[in-house]
Amino acid sequence: MNKNHLLDVDFSNSGGSVKAKIILFSFKEDDNFIIYSPHLDVSGYGKTEKDAMESFNHCLTVFLDYTVNKQTLHNELIHLGWQLKKGTTKSPKKVNAPSWSDLLKKNASLEDLLNSHNVTTIQREVAIPM
C-alpha cells in the first residue's frame, strides 16, 4: 500500500477533537482488497487498494457520524478497549487506542487474519470528536 496515501478523515464538534493513532491492515481476499482497522472494527473493500481505502474512509465517516449523532461514540470506544483519560467519559482530554495484546485477547479472528493473509500494516492518525 502506498505509504503516502493519507487517511482522509477529520471529525470534530463543538467540544473539539483529539488525534489518535490507529493501525490499518491491507490485504487481498479472493478478488477484493480489504482495509481493516482492528482499533475501530471498521473495514472497507474494493477491486483495488485505492477503492478499498475510499470504502474504508466512507465506512469510518459513517461510523463516527452515527455514533456522534447518537451520543454513543465514547461508550463504543470504551467497548473496543480504548482508554479515555483526564476529564469525563463524555469529555475526555486524551484517548489511547487499545494495545496489540489487548486487541488479540478480545478478537480471536484478528490472529487468524494475521496468520492466514499477507497483510500490510499502516499507522495513521484520525481525529476523534470530543
Protein backbone atom coordinates (compact mmCIF):
# COMPACT_ATOMS: atom_id res chain seq x y z
CA MET A 1 0.00 0.00 0.00
CA ASN A 2 1.26 3.48 -0.80
CA LYS A 3 2.55 4.93 2.46
CA ASN A 4 1.79 8.45 1.18
CA HIS A 5 -1.92 7.65 0.87
CA LEU A 6 -3.34 9.56 3.80
CA LEU A 7 -6.44 8.61 5.72
CA ASP A 8 -8.76 11.45 4.76
CA VAL A 9 -10.97 11.64 7.84
CA ASP A 10 -11.21 14.66 10.11
CA PHE A 11 -14.02 14.84 12.64
CA SER A 12 -14.62 17.43 15.29
CA ASN A 13 -17.51 19.01 17.10
CA SER A 14 -18.08 21.97 19.40
CA GLY A 15 -16.12 20.18 22.09
CA GLY A 16 -13.12 19.86 19.79
CA SER A 17 -11.28 16.74 18.75
CA VAL A 18 -8.16 14.77 19.57
CA LYS A 19 -5.96 12.79 17.25
CA ALA A 20 -5.43 9.09 17.83
CA LYS A 21 -3.12 6.65 16.06
CA ILE A 22 -4.74 3.57 14.57
CA ILE A 23 -3.40 0.65 12.58
CA LEU A 24 -4.86 -0.22 9.21
CA PHE A 25 -4.39 -3.63 7.63
CA SER A 26 -4.47 -4.02 3.88
CA PHE A 27 -4.88 -7.50 2.41
CA LYS A 28 -6.43 -9.29 -0.53
CA GLU A 29 -9.18 -11.87 -0.19
CA ASP A 30 -10.41 -13.55 -3.34
CA ASP A 31 -10.71 -10.70 -5.89
CA ASN A 32 -11.08 -7.85 -3.38
CA PHE A 33 -8.71 -5.71 -1.39
CA ILE A 34 -9.73 -5.09 2.20
CA ILE A 35 -8.67 -2.29 4.52
CA TYR A 36 -9.40 -3.09 8.18
CA SER A 37 -8.81 -1.20 11.43
CA PRO A 38 -8.83 -3.53 14.43
CA HIS A 39 -8.79 -0.48 16.72
CA LEU A 40 -12.22 0.62 15.47
CA ASP A 41 -13.50 -2.65 13.98
CA VAL A 42 -14.22 -0.81 10.72
CA SER A 43 -13.39 -2.10 7.24
CA GLY A 44 -13.76 -1.21 3.59
CA TYR A 45 -13.23 -3.17 0.40
CA GLY A 46 -12.80 -2.72 -3.32
CA LYS A 47 -11.31 -4.15 -6.50
CA THR A 48 -8.16 -2.03 -5.95
CA GLU A 49 -6.39 -0.81 -2.82
CA LYS A 50 -7.44 2.72 -3.71
CA ASP A 51 -11.10 1.64 -3.92
CA ALA A 52 -10.74 -0.23 -0.62
CA MET A 53 -9.28 2.86 1.09
CA GLU A 54 -12.11 5.03 -0.28
CA SER A 55 -14.62 2.47 1.02
CA PHE A 56 -12.84 2.40 4.40
CA ASN A 57 -12.90 6.21 4.62
CA HIS A 58 -16.63 6.19 3.87
CA CYS A 59 -17.33 3.47 6.47
CA LEU A 60 -15.24 5.28 9.08
CA THR A 61 -17.08 8.53 8.37
CA VAL A 62 -20.44 6.76 8.74
CA PHE A 63 -19.29 5.08 11.99
CA LEU A 64 -18.11 8.35 13.53
CA ASP A 65 -21.08 10.35 12.26
CA TYR A 66 -23.60 7.79 13.53
CA THR A 67 -22.03 7.34 16.97
CA VAL A 68 -21.57 11.10 17.45
CA ASN A 69 -25.20 11.78 16.48
CA LYS A 70 -26.44 9.00 18.80
CA GLN A 71 -24.02 10.19 21.52
CA THR A 72 -22.57 6.68 21.81
CA LEU A 73 -19.05 7.23 20.43
CA HIS A 74 -17.26 7.29 23.76
CA ASN A 75 -19.09 4.22 25.05
CA GLU A 76 -18.29 2.41 21.80
CA LEU A 77 -14.60 3.35 22.10
CA ILE A 78 -14.54 2.03 25.68
CA HIS A 79 -16.23 -1.19 24.48
CA LEU A 80 -13.49 -1.52 21.84
CA GLY A 81 -10.81 -1.20 24.54
CA TRP A 82 -9.87 2.47 24.21
CA GLN A 83 -8.83 4.43 27.27
CA LEU A 84 -10.27 7.91 27.75
CA LYS A 85 -8.08 9.94 30.09
CA LYS A 86 -8.31 13.21 32.01
CA GLY A 87 -11.80 14.51 32.04
CA THR A 88 -15.09 12.66 31.92
CA THR A 89 -16.32 9.86 29.69
CA LYS A 90 -18.32 12.41 27.72
CA SER A 91 -15.48 14.91 27.54
CA PRO A 92 -12.06 13.21 27.77
CA LYS A 93 -8.88 15.17 27.14
CA LYS A 94 -6.88 12.26 25.72
CA VAL A 95 -7.69 8.93 24.12
CA ASN A 96 -5.45 5.90 23.75
CA ALA A 97 -6.16 3.07 21.34
CA PRO A 98 -6.01 -0.45 22.76
CA SER A 99 -2.63 -2.22 22.79
CA TRP A 100 -1.83 -5.10 20.44
CA SER A 101 -2.04 -7.63 23.25
CA ASP A 102 -5.49 -6.33 24.23
CA LEU A 103 -6.68 -6.44 20.62
CA LEU A 104 -5.51 -10.04 20.23
CA LYS A 105 -7.15 -11.09 23.54
CA LYS A 106 -10.53 -9.57 22.59
CA ASN A 107 -10.54 -10.57 18.91
CA ALA A 108 -9.65 -14.19 18.10
CA SER A 109 -10.34 -13.54 14.40
CA LEU A 110 -7.52 -10.98 14.34
CA GLU A 111 -4.86 -13.62 14.98
CA ASP A 112 -6.39 -15.82 12.27
CA LEU A 113 -6.32 -12.87 9.86
CA LEU A 114 -2.66 -12.17 10.58
CA ASN A 115 -1.72 -15.85 10.19
CA SER A 116 -3.71 -16.56 7.02
CA HIS A 117 -3.19 -13.46 4.85
CA ASN A 118 -0.29 -11.45 3.52
CA VAL A 119 -1.08 -8.29 5.50
CA THR A 120 0.44 -4.84 5.08
CA THR A 121 0.16 -2.57 8.11
CA ILE A 122 -0.03 1.20 8.07
CA GLN A 123 -0.23 3.55 11.05
CA ARG A 124 -2.48 6.60 10.68
CA GLU A 125 -3.89 9.35 12.83
CA VAL A 126 -7.60 10.06 12.98
CA ALA A 127 -9.38 12.88 14.73
CA ILE A 128 -11.85 11.64 17.34
CA PRO A 129 -14.64 14.11 18.18
CA MET A 130 -14.88 15.12 21.80
